[in-house]
Each structure stands twice: as C-alpha cells, then as structure tokens.
Amino acid sequence: MSIEELKIEIAKKVFETDDENLLSELDMLLNYSKKVVLEELPKHVQEGIKED
C-alpha cells in the first residue's frame, strides 16, 4: 500500500467514526511534535492502532 492509499484509508476511518475520544486523541497525536511510543499511549488507543 502506498503512502497515498494509506492516507485515504485513514481518512475514511476518521470520517466514519463518531468516537469523540478517539478523534480527540488522534488530533493530539497528529499535533504532537515529539516521537510517540506506542506503549505510552492509552490502552484503548493502542488497541485501535493495532486493529486492522
């Protein structure tokens, strides 16, 4: 999957969700300038990232 295809897939998922917590955390993640370590994220965020 190319980077453009990945962006499109992520955008689709963002538009389909009504999970305010997920959207808020995604916003924080995208605006965070320091490298994020998966294990430092809340468990529900880790699980959301790991789901395919």
C-alpha atoms as a PDB file:
ATOM      1  CA  MET A   1       0.000   0.000   0.000  1.00  0.00           C
ATOM      2  CA  SER A   2       1.398   3.377  -0.962  1.00  0.00           C
ATOM      3  CA  ILE A   3       1.509   6.324   1.413  1.00  0.00           C
ATOM      4  CA  GLU A   4      -1.328   7.990  -0.518  1.00  0.00           C
ATOM      5  CA  GLU A   5      -3.504   4.881  -0.251  1.00  0.00           C
ATOM      6  CA  LEU A   6      -2.771   4.685   3.472  1.00  0.00           C
ATOM      7  CA  LYS A   7      -3.787   8.335   3.927  1.00  0.00           C
ATOM      8  CA  ILE A   8      -7.057   7.691   2.105  1.00  0.00           C
ATOM      9  CA  GLU A   9      -7.821   4.617   4.214  1.00  0.00           C
ATOM     10  CA  ILE A  10      -7.113   6.524   7.427  1.00  0.00           C
ATOM     11  CA  ALA A  11      -9.251   9.461   6.275  1.00  0.00           C
ATOM     12  CA  LYS A  12     -12.149   7.102   5.523  1.00  0.00           C
ATOM     13  CA  LYS A  13     -11.947   5.630   9.014  1.00  0.00           C
ATOM     14  CA  VAL A  14     -11.828   9.095  10.578  1.00  0.00           C
ATOM     15  CA  PHE A  15     -14.938  10.197   8.685  1.00  0.00           C
ATOM     16  CA  GLU A  16     -16.796   7.005   9.620  1.00  0.00           C
ATOM     17  CA  THR A  17     -16.223   7.222  13.379  1.00  0.00           C
ATOM     18  CA  ASP A  18     -18.293   9.126  15.915  1.00  0.00           C
ATOM     19  CA  ASP A  19     -15.945   8.193  18.767  1.00  0.00           C
ATOM     20  CA  GLU A  20     -15.149  11.599  20.230  1.00  0.00           C
ATOM     21  CA  ASN A  21     -12.372  10.230  22.450  1.00  0.00           C
ATOM     22  CA  LEU A  22     -10.659   8.548  19.516  1.00  0.00           C
ATOM     23  CA  LEU A  23     -10.893  11.707  17.398  1.00  0.00           C
ATOM     24  CA  SER A  24      -9.558  13.837  20.238  1.00  0.00           C
ATOM     25  CA  GLU A  25      -6.616  11.519  20.810  1.00  0.00           C
ATOM     26  CA  LEU A  26      -5.920  11.296  17.096  1.00  0.00           C
ATOM     27  CA  ASP A  27      -5.875  15.090  16.958  1.00  0.00           C
ATOM     28  CA  MET A  28      -3.412  15.213  19.854  1.00  0.00           C
ATOM     29  CA  LEU A  29      -1.259  12.535  18.241  1.00  0.00           C
ATOM     30  CA  LEU A  30      -1.141  14.374  14.908  1.00  0.00           C
ATOM     31  CA  ASN A  31      -0.265  17.659  16.605  1.00  0.00           C
ATOM     32  CA  TYR A  32       2.339  16.202  18.938  1.00  0.00           C
ATOM     33  CA  SER A  33       5.865  17.135  17.870  1.00  0.00           C
ATOM     34  CA  LYS A  34       7.738  14.553  19.979  1.00  0.00           C
ATOM     35  CA  LYS A  35       8.012  10.953  18.767  1.00  0.00           C
ATOM     36  CA  VAL A  36       5.236   8.865  20.287  1.00  0.00           C
ATOM     37  CA  VAL A  37       5.966   5.415  21.665  1.00  0.00           C
ATOM     38  CA  LEU A  38       3.023   3.054  21.214  1.00  0.00           C
ATOM     39  CA  GLU A  39       3.333   1.703  24.755  1.00  0.00           C
ATOM     40  CA  GLU A  40       2.959   5.229  26.171  1.00  0.00           C
ATOM     41  CA  LEU A  41      -0.473   5.693  24.584  1.00  0.00           C
ATOM     42  CA  PRO A  42      -3.659   4.749  26.463  1.00  0.00           C
ATOM     43  CA  LYS A  43      -4.609   1.082  26.073  1.00  0.00           C
ATOM     44  CA  HIS A  44      -7.738   1.795  24.003  1.00  0.00           C
ATOM     45  CA  VAL A  45      -5.660   3.877  21.591  1.00  0.00           C
ATOM     46  CA  GLN A  46      -3.048   1.118  21.325  1.00  0.00           C
ATOM     47  CA  GLU A  47      -5.815  -1.390  20.577  1.00  0.00           C
ATOM     48  CA  GLY A  48      -7.320   0.917  17.935  1.00  0.00           C
ATOM     49  CA  ILE A  49      -3.965   1.288  16.230  1.00  0.00           C
ATOM     50  CA  LYS A  50      -3.319  -2.459  16.303  1.00  0.00           C
ATOM     51  CA  GLU A  51      -6.746  -3.328  14.826  1.00  0.00           C
ATOM     52  CA  ASP A  52      -6.656  -3.871  11.100  1.00  0.00           C
END
